[in-house]
Amino acid sequence: MSSLTVNYLGIPMASPVIGASGTVGYGLELHDYIDMKKIGALSGKGLAPTPWKGNEGVRVAETTSGMLNCIGLENPGAPWFIDHYLPEVRKLPTVFIANMVGKSVEEYAECARMLTVPGISALEVNISCPNVKEGGAAFGTDPAQAAAVTRAVKDATTLPVIVKLSPNVTDIVSIAKAVEDAGADSISLINTLLGIAIDTRTRRPILGNITGGLSGPAIKPVALRMVWQTAKAVKIPVCGLGGIMTGEDAIEFMMAGASTVQVGTANLADPTAMERIVNEMDEWCDKNNVKDINEIVGTLKD
């Protein structure tokens, strides 16, 4: 038997597989479908300091080899989560990471303070949100703004901080280095790619928000490239995600330099996907004489 255990940010995990934010709820929804003891961690639905309503109209559209979504980060707010969900989440036999969002640097810091409570092991900061104070551009598309959010969150919490990067940039490495310099403990990438789908009968966009985030197998080659570039450029751990559907997909990301991986869209197609992927990784290790999954991290031969 191979060892799939990892130590991520000082947190012991049963495997490198983490449930990606927005696809696992707060973990309670998947409890009856998978053996949670095999899952490294869960990154919950993004939380803001106050409830967010989300977008109107159609919010999900299937695409070739993936899906588009424009949920709009609908969430009940961090205080509601802490009072109503967290007591049950704490009973799950896996690590819980709180994904968090904001519309200003101040909101991010406020949310980080709220979520620094027992039962939450780390914070994952989604910087793909628009900065309402600076014209609406996403924090994650500008190194200075990405760094400002990272710094504010680090100052507001004692928990490890993972910064989730947007792929909708021309230079992912400059953003990664900026958040590393600002104190990020880890980087996760990639978030969704911006896309659009059209109903040819009505000649109108399918999604109510017109554009949405593309996820699933279609984005895997882009995600792998960005993980590989980033892992070579930073000293902090990288968590890779984007189109992971099988154990071998996850292995590819680790070879590209990811210490851990996240499974997202696969969960929506198959609620048992994460456990299956863990089992497939274990089988791959056995077949390839890998005794410890950590041995393969960053072993891609350039």
C-alpha atoms as a PDB file:
ATOM      1  CA  MET A   1       0.000   0.000   0.000  1.00  0.00           C
ATOM      2  CA  SER A   2       1.207   3.489  -0.860  1.00  0.00           C
ATOM      3  CA  SER A   3       1.018   6.464   1.483  1.00  0.00           C
ATOM      4  CA  LEU A   4      -1.285   9.216   0.248  1.00  0.00           C
ATOM      5  CA  THR A   5      -1.004  11.346   3.375  1.00  0.00           C
ATOM      6  CA  VAL A   6       0.260  14.896   3.020  1.00  0.00           C
ATOM      7  CA  ASN A   7       1.120  17.736   5.360  1.00  0.00           C
ATOM      8  CA  TYR A   8      -0.270  20.889   3.811  1.00  0.00           C
ATOM      9  CA  LEU A   9       0.477  24.145   5.638  1.00  0.00           C
ATOM     10  CA  GLY A  10       1.124  22.174   8.811  1.00  0.00           C
ATOM     11  CA  ILE A  11      -2.246  20.441   8.493  1.00  0.00           C
ATOM     12  CA  PRO A  12      -2.116  16.620   8.306  1.00  0.00           C
ATOM     13  CA  MET A  13      -4.407  15.344   5.519  1.00  0.00           C
ATOM     14  CA  ALA A  14      -5.429  11.811   4.594  1.00  0.00           C
ATOM     15  CA  SER A  15      -4.792  12.511   0.904  1.00  0.00           C
ATOM     16  CA  PRO A  16      -3.881  15.420  -1.401  1.00  0.00           C
ATOM     17  CA  VAL A  17      -7.483  15.616  -2.681  1.00  0.00           C
ATOM     18  CA  ILE A  18      -9.502  18.661  -1.629  1.00  0.00           C
ATOM     19  CA  GLY A  19     -13.107  19.385  -2.589  1.00  0.00           C
ATOM     20  CA  ALA A  20     -13.164  22.637  -4.564  1.00  0.00           C
ATOM     21  CA  SER A  21     -15.241  25.582  -3.422  1.00  0.00           C
ATOM     22  CA  GLY A  22     -18.667  25.859  -5.005  1.00  0.00           C
ATOM     23  CA  THR A  23     -18.937  22.145  -5.797  1.00  0.00           C
ATOM     24  CA  VAL A  24     -19.131  20.532  -2.363  1.00  0.00           C
ATOM     25  CA  GLY A  25     -21.468  22.886  -0.503  1.00  0.00           C
ATOM     26  CA  TYR A  26     -20.140  22.882   3.044  1.00  0.00           C
ATOM     27  CA  GLY A  27     -19.415  19.155   2.948  1.00  0.00           C
ATOM     28  CA  LEU A  28     -22.628  18.049   4.583  1.00  0.00           C
ATOM     29  CA  GLU A  29     -24.263  17.498   1.199  1.00  0.00           C
ATOM     30  CA  LEU A  30     -21.690  14.829   0.211  1.00  0.00           C
ATOM     31  CA  HIS A  31     -21.425  13.030   3.520  1.00  0.00           C
ATOM     32  CA  ASP A  32     -23.703  10.162   2.463  1.00  0.00           C
ATOM     33  CA  TYR A  33     -21.936   9.622  -0.872  1.00  0.00           C
ATOM     34  CA  ILE A  34     -18.258   9.318  -0.007  1.00  0.00           C
ATOM     35  CA  ASP A  35     -15.955   8.169   2.761  1.00  0.00           C
ATOM     36  CA  MET A  36     -14.886  11.544   4.124  1.00  0.00           C
ATOM     37  CA  LYS A  37     -11.943   9.954   5.938  1.00  0.00           C
ATOM     38  CA  LYS A  38     -10.241   9.499   2.550  1.00  0.00           C
ATOM     39  CA  ILE A  39     -10.658  13.145   1.513  1.00  0.00           C
ATOM     40  CA  GLY A  40      -7.844  15.517   2.431  1.00  0.00           C
ATOM     41  CA  ALA A  41     -10.038  18.563   2.968  1.00  0.00           C
ATOM     42  CA  LEU A  42     -13.098  20.452   1.808  1.00  0.00           C
ATOM     43  CA  SER A  43     -13.083  24.066   0.654  1.00  0.00           C
ATOM     44  CA  GLY A  44     -16.578  25.340   1.363  1.00  0.00           C
ATOM     45  CA  LYS A  45     -18.801  27.614  -0.676  1.00  0.00           C
ATOM     46  CA  GLY A  46     -17.417  31.155  -0.694  1.00  0.00           C
ATOM     47  CA  LEU A  47     -18.434  33.293   2.287  1.00  0.00           C
ATOM     48  CA  ALA A  48     -18.742  37.076   2.560  1.00  0.00           C
ATOM     49  CA  PRO A  49     -19.213  39.178   5.714  1.00  0.00           C
ATOM     50  CA  THR A  50     -22.892  39.623   4.748  1.00  0.00           C
ATOM     51  CA  PRO A  51     -25.293  37.500   2.630  1.00  0.00           C
ATOM     52  CA  TRP A  52     -24.932  37.799  -1.142  1.00  0.00           C
ATOM     53  CA  LYS A  53     -27.946  37.185  -3.357  1.00  0.00           C
ATOM     54  CA  GLY A  54     -26.131  36.076  -6.518  1.00  0.00           C
ATOM     55  CA  ASN A  55     -27.120  36.619 -10.135  1.00  0.00           C
ATOM     56  CA  GLU A  56     -30.587  36.526 -11.682  1.00  0.00           C
ATOM     57  CA  GLY A  57     -31.696  34.277 -14.553  1.00  0.00           C
ATOM     58  CA  VAL A  58     -30.044  31.138 -15.893  1.00  0.00           C
ATOM     59  CA  ARG A  59     -26.882  30.480 -13.905  1.00  0.00           C
ATOM     60  CA  VAL A  60     -25.507  27.194 -15.303  1.00  0.00           C
ATOM     61  CA  ALA A  61     -24.943  26.042 -18.891  1.00  0.00           C
ATOM     62  CA  GLU A  62     -23.368  22.827 -20.152  1.00  0.00           C
ATOM     63  CA  THR A  63     -20.586  23.216 -22.718  1.00  0.00           C
ATOM     64  CA  THR A  64     -18.355  20.851 -24.665  1.00  0.00           C
ATOM     65  CA  SER A  65     -16.123  19.159 -22.066  1.00  0.00           C
ATOM     66  CA  GLY A  66     -17.236  21.418 -19.265  1.00  0.00           C
ATOM     67  CA  MET A  67     -19.734  23.899 -17.931  1.00  0.00           C
ATOM     68  CA  LEU A  68     -20.282  27.609 -17.470  1.00  0.00           C
ATOM     69  CA  ASN A  69     -21.659  29.123 -14.306  1.00  0.00           C
ATOM     70  CA  CYS A  70     -22.562  32.615 -13.168  1.00  0.00           C
ATOM     71  CA  ILE A  71     -23.907  31.871  -9.694  1.00  0.00           C
ATOM     72  CA  GLY A  72     -22.551  35.208  -8.540  1.00  0.00           C
ATOM     73  CA  LEU A  73     -21.056  33.836  -5.296  1.00  0.00           C
ATOM     74  CA  GLU A  74     -24.449  33.569  -3.622  1.00  0.00           C
ATOM     75  CA  ASN A  75     -23.910  32.751   0.047  1.00  0.00           C
ATOM     76  CA  PRO A  76     -25.603  33.146   3.453  1.00  0.00           C
ATOM     77  CA  GLY A  77     -22.797  35.210   4.953  1.00  0.00           C
ATOM     78  CA  ALA A  78     -20.062  34.167   7.368  1.00  0.00           C
ATOM     79  CA  PRO A  79     -22.065  34.796  10.589  1.00  0.00           C
ATOM     80  CA  TRP A  80     -24.940  32.581   9.389  1.00  0.00           C
ATOM     81  CA  PHE A  81     -22.490  29.860   8.365  1.00  0.00           C
ATOM     82  CA  ILE A  82     -20.780  29.930  11.754  1.00  0.00           C
ATOM     83  CA  ASP A  83     -24.083  29.745  13.667  1.00  0.00           C
ATOM     84  CA  HIS A  84     -25.999  27.266  11.482  1.00  0.00           C
ATOM     85  CA  TYR A  85     -23.521  25.154   9.484  1.00  0.00           C
ATOM     86  CA  LEU A  86     -20.212  25.051  11.320  1.00  0.00           C
ATOM     87  CA  PRO A  87     -21.411  22.971  14.328  1.00  0.00           C
ATOM     88  CA  GLU A  88     -22.291  20.123  11.898  1.00  0.00           C
ATOM     89  CA  VAL A  89     -19.288  20.731   9.624  1.00  0.00           C
ATOM     90  CA  ARG A  90     -16.988  20.244  12.620  1.00  0.00           C
ATOM     91  CA  LYS A  91     -18.323  16.689  13.000  1.00  0.00           C
ATOM     92  CA  LEU A  92     -17.110  15.685   9.518  1.00  0.00           C
ATOM     93  CA  PRO A  93     -13.975  13.473   9.626  1.00  0.00           C
ATOM     94  CA  THR A  94     -11.945  15.720   7.353  1.00  0.00           C
ATOM     95  CA  VAL A  95     -10.315  19.151   7.312  1.00  0.00           C
ATOM     96  CA  PHE A  96     -12.470  22.198   6.545  1.00  0.00           C
ATOM     97  CA  ILE A  97     -11.103  25.216   4.659  1.00  0.00           C
ATOM     98  CA  ALA A  98     -13.258  28.345   4.524  1.00  0.00           C
ATOM     99  CA  ASN A  99     -13.302  29.982   1.103  1.00  0.00           C
ATOM    100  CA  MET A 100     -13.944  33.714   1.404  1.00  0.00           C
ATOM    101  CA  VAL A 101     -14.892  36.619  -0.841  1.00  0.00           C
ATOM    102  CA  GLY A 102     -15.288  40.397  -0.626  1.00  0.00           C
ATOM    103  CA  LYS A 103     -16.013  43.558  -2.559  1.00  0.00           C
ATOM    104  CA  SER A 104     -13.287  45.646  -0.917  1.00  0.00           C
ATOM    105  CA  VAL A 105     -10.037  45.099   0.954  1.00  0.00           C
ATOM    106  CA  GLU A 106     -11.865  45.998   4.159  1.00  0.00           C
ATOM    107  CA  GLU A 107     -14.531  43.337   3.526  1.00  0.00           C
ATOM    108  CA  TYR A 108     -11.892  40.669   3.009  1.00  0.00           C
ATOM    109  CA  ALA A 109     -10.239  41.572   6.302  1.00  0.00           C
ATOM    110  CA  GLU A 110     -13.576  41.621   8.116  1.00  0.00           C
ATOM    111  CA  CYS A 111     -14.493  38.202   6.736  1.00  0.00           C
ATOM    112  CA  ALA A 112     -11.107  36.769   7.734  1.00  0.00           C
ATOM    113  CA  ARG A 113     -11.624  37.932  11.326  1.00  0.00           C
ATOM    114  CA  MET A 114     -15.106  36.375  11.400  1.00  0.00           C
ATOM    115  CA  LEU A 115     -13.878  33.027  10.084  1.00  0.00           C
ATOM    116  CA  THR A 116     -10.927  32.672  12.447  1.00  0.00           C
ATOM    117  CA  VAL A 117     -12.762  30.251  14.712  1.00  0.00           C
ATOM    118  CA  PRO A 118     -12.324  26.636  15.870  1.00  0.00           C
ATOM    119  CA  GLY A 119     -13.312  24.127  13.214  1.00  0.00           C
ATOM    120  CA  ILE A 120     -11.808  26.092  10.349  1.00  0.00           C
ATOM    121  CA  SER A 121      -8.239  25.036   9.530  1.00  0.00           C
ATOM    122  CA  ALA A 122      -7.332  27.559   6.811  1.00  0.00           C
ATOM    123  CA  LEU A 123      -8.741  30.357   4.677  1.00  0.00           C
ATOM    124  CA  GLU A 124      -8.865  30.261   0.876  1.00  0.00           C
ATOM    125  CA  VAL A 125      -9.142  33.777  -0.504  1.00  0.00           C
ATOM    126  CA  ASN A 126     -10.982  34.146  -3.808  1.00  0.00           C
ATOM    127  CA  ILE A 127      -9.477  37.224  -5.471  1.00  0.00           C
ATOM    128  CA  SER A 128     -11.522  36.894  -8.671  1.00  0.00           C
ATOM    129  CA  CYS A 129     -14.110  39.240  -7.136  1.00  0.00           C
ATOM    130  CA  PRO A 130     -14.634  42.769  -8.537  1.00  0.00           C
ATOM    131  CA  ASN A 131     -13.247  45.653  -6.475  1.00  0.00           C
ATOM    132  CA  VAL A 132     -16.267  47.936  -6.137  1.00  0.00           C
ATOM    133  CA  LYS A 133     -14.126  50.802  -4.871  1.00  0.00           C
ATOM    134  CA  GLU A 134     -11.729  50.712  -7.821  1.00  0.00           C
ATOM    135  CA  GLY A 135     -13.977  50.541 -10.860  1.00  0.00           C
ATOM    136  CA  GLY A 136     -15.030  46.891 -10.707  1.00  0.00           C
ATOM    137  CA  ALA A 137     -11.889  45.170 -12.028  1.00  0.00           C
ATOM    138  CA  ALA A 138     -11.164  41.857 -10.308  1.00  0.00           C
ATOM    139  CA  PHE A 139      -8.615  42.014  -7.479  1.00  0.00           C
ATOM    140  CA  GLY A 140      -6.815  39.044  -9.007  1.00  0.00           C
ATOM    141  CA  THR A 141      -5.983  40.774 -12.285  1.00  0.00           C
ATOM    142  CA  ASP A 142      -3.671  43.362 -10.714  1.00  0.00           C
ATOM    143  CA  PRO A 143      -0.572  42.421  -8.669  1.00  0.00           C
ATOM    144  CA  ALA A 144      -0.859  45.429  -6.345  1.00  0.00           C
ATOM    145  CA  GLN A 145      -4.524  44.805  -5.558  1.00  0.00           C
ATOM    146  CA  ALA A 146      -3.962  41.066  -5.134  1.00  0.00           C
ATOM    147  CA  ALA A 147      -1.152  41.833  -2.702  1.00  0.00           C
ATOM    148  CA  ALA A 148      -3.281  44.347  -0.777  1.00  0.00           C
ATOM    149  CA  VAL A 149      -6.018  41.777  -0.190  1.00  0.00           C
ATOM    150  CA  THR A 150      -3.486  39.139   0.841  1.00  0.00           C
ATOM    151  CA  ARG A 151      -1.819  41.475   3.307  1.00  0.00           C
ATOM    152  CA  ALA A 152      -5.143  42.530   4.832  1.00  0.00           C
ATOM    153  CA  VAL A 153      -6.278  38.941   5.305  1.00  0.00           C
ATOM    154  CA  LYS A 154      -2.938  37.877   6.796  1.00  0.00           C
ATOM    155  CA  ASP A 155      -3.128  40.745   9.284  1.00  0.00           C
ATOM    156  CA  ALA A 156      -6.674  39.761  10.265  1.00  0.00           C
ATOM    157  CA  THR A 157      -6.181  36.033  10.945  1.00  0.00           C
ATOM    158  CA  THR A 158      -3.913  33.511  12.604  1.00  0.00           C
ATOM    159  CA  LEU A 159      -4.957  30.785  10.149  1.00  0.00           C
ATOM    160  CA  PRO A 160      -2.937  29.736   7.089  1.00  0.00           C
ATOM    161  CA  VAL A 161      -3.941  31.797   4.050  1.00  0.00           C
ATOM    162  CA  ILE A 162      -4.340  30.240   0.597  1.00  0.00           C
ATOM    163  CA  VAL A 163      -4.843  32.735  -2.237  1.00  0.00           C
ATOM    164  CA  LYS A 164      -6.880  31.427  -5.181  1.00  0.00           C
ATOM    165  CA  LEU A 165      -5.656  32.963  -8.434  1.00  0.00           C
ATOM    166  CA  SER A 166      -7.674  33.980 -11.470  1.00  0.00           C
ATOM    167  CA  PRO A 167      -6.463  32.640 -14.838  1.00  0.00           C
ATOM    168  CA  ASN A 168      -7.918  35.653 -16.650  1.00  0.00           C
ATOM    169  CA  VAL A 169      -4.575  37.455 -16.738  1.00  0.00           C
ATOM    170  CA  THR A 170      -1.670  37.741 -19.164  1.00  0.00           C
ATOM    171  CA  ASP A 171       1.019  36.930 -16.575  1.00  0.00           C
ATOM    172  CA  ILE A 172       0.024  34.502 -13.811  1.00  0.00           C
ATOM    173  CA  VAL A 173       3.544  34.464 -12.363  1.00  0.00           C
ATOM    174  CA  SER A 174       3.547  38.192 -11.527  1.00  0.00           C
ATOM    175  CA  ILE A 175       0.304  37.762  -9.551  1.00  0.00           C
ATOM    176  CA  ALA A 176       1.642  34.665  -7.796  1.00  0.00           C
ATOM    177  CA  LYS A 177       4.847  36.417  -6.754  1.00  0.00           C
ATOM    178  CA  ALA A 178       2.904  39.448  -5.542  1.00  0.00           C
ATOM    179  CA  VAL A 179       0.713  37.440  -3.178  1.00  0.00           C
ATOM    180  CA  GLU A 180       3.702  35.386  -2.017  1.00  0.00           C
ATOM    181  CA  ASP A 181       5.584  38.583  -1.166  1.00  0.00           C
ATOM    182  CA  ALA A 182       2.473  39.855   0.645  1.00  0.00           C
ATOM    183  CA  GLY A 183       2.527  36.852   2.964  1.00  0.00           C
ATOM    184  CA  ALA A 184       0.371  34.151   1.366  1.00  0.00           C
ATOM    185  CA  ASP A 185       1.083  30.724   2.819  1.00  0.00           C
ATOM    186  CA  SER A 186      -0.043  28.917  -0.332  1.00  0.00           C
ATOM    187  CA  ILE A 187      -1.527  29.530  -3.761  1.00  0.00           C
ATOM    188  CA  SER A 188      -4.395  27.637  -5.383  1.00  0.00           C
ATOM    189  CA  LEU A 189      -4.984  27.827  -9.120  1.00  0.00           C
ATOM    190  CA  ILE A 190      -6.802  28.078 -11.350  1.00  0.00           C
ATOM    191  CA  ASN A 191     -10.201  29.606 -10.837  1.00  0.00           C
ATOM    192  CA  THR A 192     -12.593  29.519 -13.806  1.00  0.00           C
ATOM    193  CA  LEU A 193     -11.891  30.982 -17.242  1.00  0.00           C
ATOM    194  CA  LEU A 194     -14.291  33.641 -18.515  1.00  0.00           C
ATOM    195  CA  GLY A 195     -16.611  32.384 -21.261  1.00  0.00           C
ATOM    196  CA  ILE A 196     -19.968  32.815 -22.970  1.00  0.00           C
ATOM    197  CA  ALA A 197     -22.653  30.559 -24.475  1.00  0.00           C
ATOM    198  CA  ILE A 198     -25.261  31.625 -27.052  1.00  0.00           C
ATOM    199  CA  ASP A 199     -28.751  30.325 -27.783  1.00  0.00           C
ATOM    200  CA  THR A 200     -28.841  30.378 -31.585  1.00  0.00           C
ATOM    201  CA  ARG A 201     -32.639  30.216 -31.663  1.00  0.00           C
ATOM    202  CA  THR A 202     -33.084  33.449 -29.725  1.00  0.00           C
ATOM    203  CA  ARG A 203     -29.687  34.967 -30.592  1.00  0.00           C
ATOM    204  CA  ARG A 204     -29.280  35.772 -26.907  1.00  0.00           C
ATOM    205  CA  PRO A 205     -26.763  34.680 -24.270  1.00  0.00           C
ATOM    206  CA  ILE A 206     -27.825  31.543 -22.409  1.00  0.00           C
ATOM    207  CA  LEU A 207     -26.597  32.835 -19.051  1.00  0.00           C
ATOM    208  CA  GLY A 208     -28.464  35.595 -17.277  1.00  0.00           C
ATOM    209  CA  ASN A 209     -25.190  37.347 -16.545  1.00  0.00           C
ATOM    210  CA  ILE A 210     -24.097  36.965 -20.224  1.00  0.00           C
ATOM    211  CA  THR A 211     -20.632  35.698 -19.253  1.00  0.00           C
ATOM    212  CA  GLY A 212     -19.721  32.947 -16.823  1.00  0.00           C
ATOM    213  CA  GLY A 213     -16.872  30.890 -15.472  1.00  0.00           C
ATOM    214  CA  LEU A 214     -15.768  27.917 -17.571  1.00  0.00           C
ATOM    215  CA  SER A 215     -14.724  24.802 -15.637  1.00  0.00           C
ATOM    216  CA  GLY A 216     -14.295  21.093 -16.298  1.00  0.00           C
ATOM    217  CA  PRO A 217     -11.987  19.023 -18.531  1.00  0.00           C
ATOM    218  CA  ALA A 218     -11.852  21.767 -21.191  1.00  0.00           C
ATOM    219  CA  ILE A 219      -9.644  23.948 -18.981  1.00  0.00           C
ATOM    220  CA  LYS A 220      -7.225  21.271 -17.756  1.00  0.00           C
ATOM    221  CA  PRO A 221      -4.354  21.987 -20.206  1.00  0.00           C
ATOM    222  CA  VAL A 222      -4.467  25.698 -19.316  1.00  0.00           C
ATOM    223  CA  ALA A 223      -4.603  24.915 -15.603  1.00  0.00           C
ATOM    224  CA  LEU A 224      -1.666  22.493 -15.841  1.00  0.00           C
ATOM    225  CA  ARG A 225       0.425  25.076 -17.671  1.00  0.00           C
ATOM    226  CA  MET A 226      -0.302  27.758 -15.074  1.00  0.00           C
ATOM    227  CA  VAL A 227       0.403  25.413 -12.155  1.00  0.00           C
ATOM    228  CA  TRP A 228       3.704  24.399 -13.746  1.00  0.00           C
ATOM    229  CA  GLN A 229       4.709  28.035 -14.354  1.00  0.00           C
ATOM    230  CA  THR A 230       3.715  29.126 -10.849  1.00  0.00           C
ATOM    231  CA  ALA A 231       5.262  26.212  -8.957  1.00  0.00           C
ATOM    232  CA  LYS A 232       8.629  26.979 -10.573  1.00  0.00           C
ATOM    233  CA  ALA A 233       8.393  30.659  -9.639  1.00  0.00           C
ATOM    234  CA  VAL A 234       7.315  30.589  -5.962  1.00  0.00           C
ATOM    235  CA  LYS A 235       8.629  28.949  -2.816  1.00  0.00           C
ATOM    236  CA  ILE A 236       5.253  28.410  -1.123  1.00  0.00           C
ATOM    237  CA  PRO A 237       3.085  25.315  -1.766  1.00  0.00           C
ATOM    238  CA  VAL A 238       0.792  25.266  -4.783  1.00  0.00           C
ATOM    239  CA  CYS A 239      -2.627  23.613  -4.869  1.00  0.00           C
ATOM    240  CA  GLY A 240      -3.646  22.698  -8.423  1.00  0.00           C
ATOM    241  CA  LEU A 241      -7.140  22.532  -9.869  1.00  0.00           C
ATOM    242  CA  GLY A 242      -8.935  22.762 -13.179  1.00  0.00           C
ATOM    243  CA  GLY A 243     -10.618  19.858 -14.931  1.00  0.00           C
ATOM    244  CA  ILE A 244      -9.455  17.022 -12.683  1.00  0.00           C
ATOM    245  CA  MET A 245     -11.751  14.072 -13.423  1.00  0.00           C
ATOM    246  CA  THR A 246      -9.514  11.055 -12.727  1.00  0.00           C
ATOM    247  CA  GLY A 247      -6.693   9.972 -10.461  1.00  0.00           C
ATOM    248  CA  GLU A 248      -4.257  10.286 -13.344  1.00  0.00           C
ATOM    249  CA  ASP A 249      -5.373  13.899 -13.894  1.00  0.00           C
ATOM    250  CA  ALA A 250      -4.502  14.598 -10.266  1.00  0.00           C
ATOM    251  CA  ILE A 251      -1.124  12.892 -10.669  1.00  0.00           C
ATOM    252  CA  GLU A 252      -0.358  15.180 -13.640  1.00  0.00           C
ATOM    253  CA  PHE A 253      -0.977  18.262 -11.508  1.00  0.00           C
ATOM    254  CA  MET A 254       1.315  16.990  -8.778  1.00  0.00           C
ATOM    255  CA  MET A 255       4.050  16.224 -11.300  1.00  0.00           C
ATOM    256  CA  ALA A 256       3.655  19.805 -12.541  1.00  0.00           C
ATOM    257  CA  GLY A 257       4.423  21.018  -9.017  1.00  0.00           C
ATOM    258  CA  ALA A 258       1.188  20.948  -7.015  1.00  0.00           C
ATOM    259  CA  SER A 259       1.476  19.675  -3.429  1.00  0.00           C
ATOM    260  CA  THR A 260      -2.295  19.191  -3.256  1.00  0.00           C
ATOM    261  CA  VAL A 261      -5.128  19.205  -5.781  1.00  0.00           C
ATOM    262  CA  GLN A 262      -8.775  20.220  -5.831  1.00  0.00           C
ATOM    263  CA  VAL A 263     -11.656  18.404  -7.502  1.00  0.00           C
ATOM    264  CA  GLY A 264     -14.540  20.608  -8.604  1.00  0.00           C
ATOM    265  CA  THR A 265     -16.820  20.091 -11.600  1.00  0.00           C
ATOM    266  CA  ALA A 266     -16.366  16.305 -11.393  1.00  0.00           C
ATOM    267  CA  ASN A 267     -18.376  16.396  -8.142  1.00  0.00           C
ATOM    268  CA  LEU A 268     -21.365  17.848  -9.976  1.00  0.00           C
ATOM    269  CA  ALA A 269     -21.362  15.001 -12.501  1.00  0.00           C
ATOM    270  CA  ASP A 270     -20.572  12.291  -9.947  1.00  0.00           C
ATOM    271  CA  PRO A 271     -20.926  12.904  -6.190  1.00  0.00           C
ATOM    272  CA  THR A 272     -18.580   9.953  -5.529  1.00  0.00           C
ATOM    273  CA  ALA A 273     -15.822  11.453  -7.717  1.00  0.00           C
ATOM    274  CA  MET A 274     -13.406  12.478  -4.966  1.00  0.00           C
ATOM    275  CA  GLU A 275     -13.293   9.062  -3.321  1.00  0.00           C
ATOM    276  CA  ARG A 276     -12.893   7.405  -6.721  1.00  0.00           C
ATOM    277  CA  ILE A 277     -10.020   9.769  -7.584  1.00  0.00           C
ATOM    278  CA  VAL A 278      -8.266   9.000  -4.283  1.00  0.00           C
ATOM    279  CA  ASN A 279      -8.588   5.267  -4.999  1.00  0.00           C
ATOM    280  CA  GLU A 280      -7.273   5.733  -8.549  1.00  0.00           C
ATOM    281  CA  MET A 281      -4.277   7.683  -7.235  1.00  0.00           C
ATOM    282  CA  ASP A 282      -3.544   4.870  -4.807  1.00  0.00           C
ATOM    283  CA  GLU A 283      -3.740   2.309  -7.631  1.00  0.00           C
ATOM    284  CA  TRP A 284      -1.439   4.420  -9.821  1.00  0.00           C
ATOM    285  CA  CYS A 285       1.141   4.614  -7.040  1.00  0.00           C
ATOM    286  CA  ASP A 286       1.069   0.857  -6.574  1.00  0.00           C
ATOM    287  CA  LYS A 287       1.469   0.191 -10.308  1.00  0.00           C
ATOM    288  CA  ASN A 288       4.332   2.665 -10.596  1.00  0.00           C
ATOM    289  CA  ASN A 289       6.165   1.633  -7.411  1.00  0.00           C
ATOM    290  CA  VAL A 290       5.588   5.001  -5.712  1.00  0.00           C
ATOM    291  CA  LYS A 291       5.575   4.461  -1.946  1.00  0.00           C
ATOM    292  CA  ASP A 292       4.768   8.050  -0.958  1.00  0.00           C
ATOM    293  CA  ILE A 293       2.627  10.396  -3.064  1.00  0.00           C
ATOM    294  CA  ASN A 294       4.811  13.342  -2.017  1.00  0.00           C
ATOM    295  CA  GLU A 295       7.678  11.847  -4.043  1.00  0.00           C
ATOM    296  CA  ILE A 296       6.069  12.846  -7.353  1.00  0.00           C
ATOM    297  CA  VAL A 297       5.588  16.571  -6.620  1.00  0.00           C
ATOM    298  CA  GLY A 298       7.446  18.671  -9.197  1.00  0.00           C
ATOM    299  CA  THR A 299       8.977  15.699 -11.007  1.00  0.00           C
ATOM    300  CA  LEU A 300       7.955  16.806 -14.500  1.00  0.00           C
ATOM    301  CA  LYS A 301      11.011  16.629 -16.721  1.00  0.00           C
ATOM    302  CA  ASP A 302      11.326  19.915 -18.629  1.00  0.00           C
END
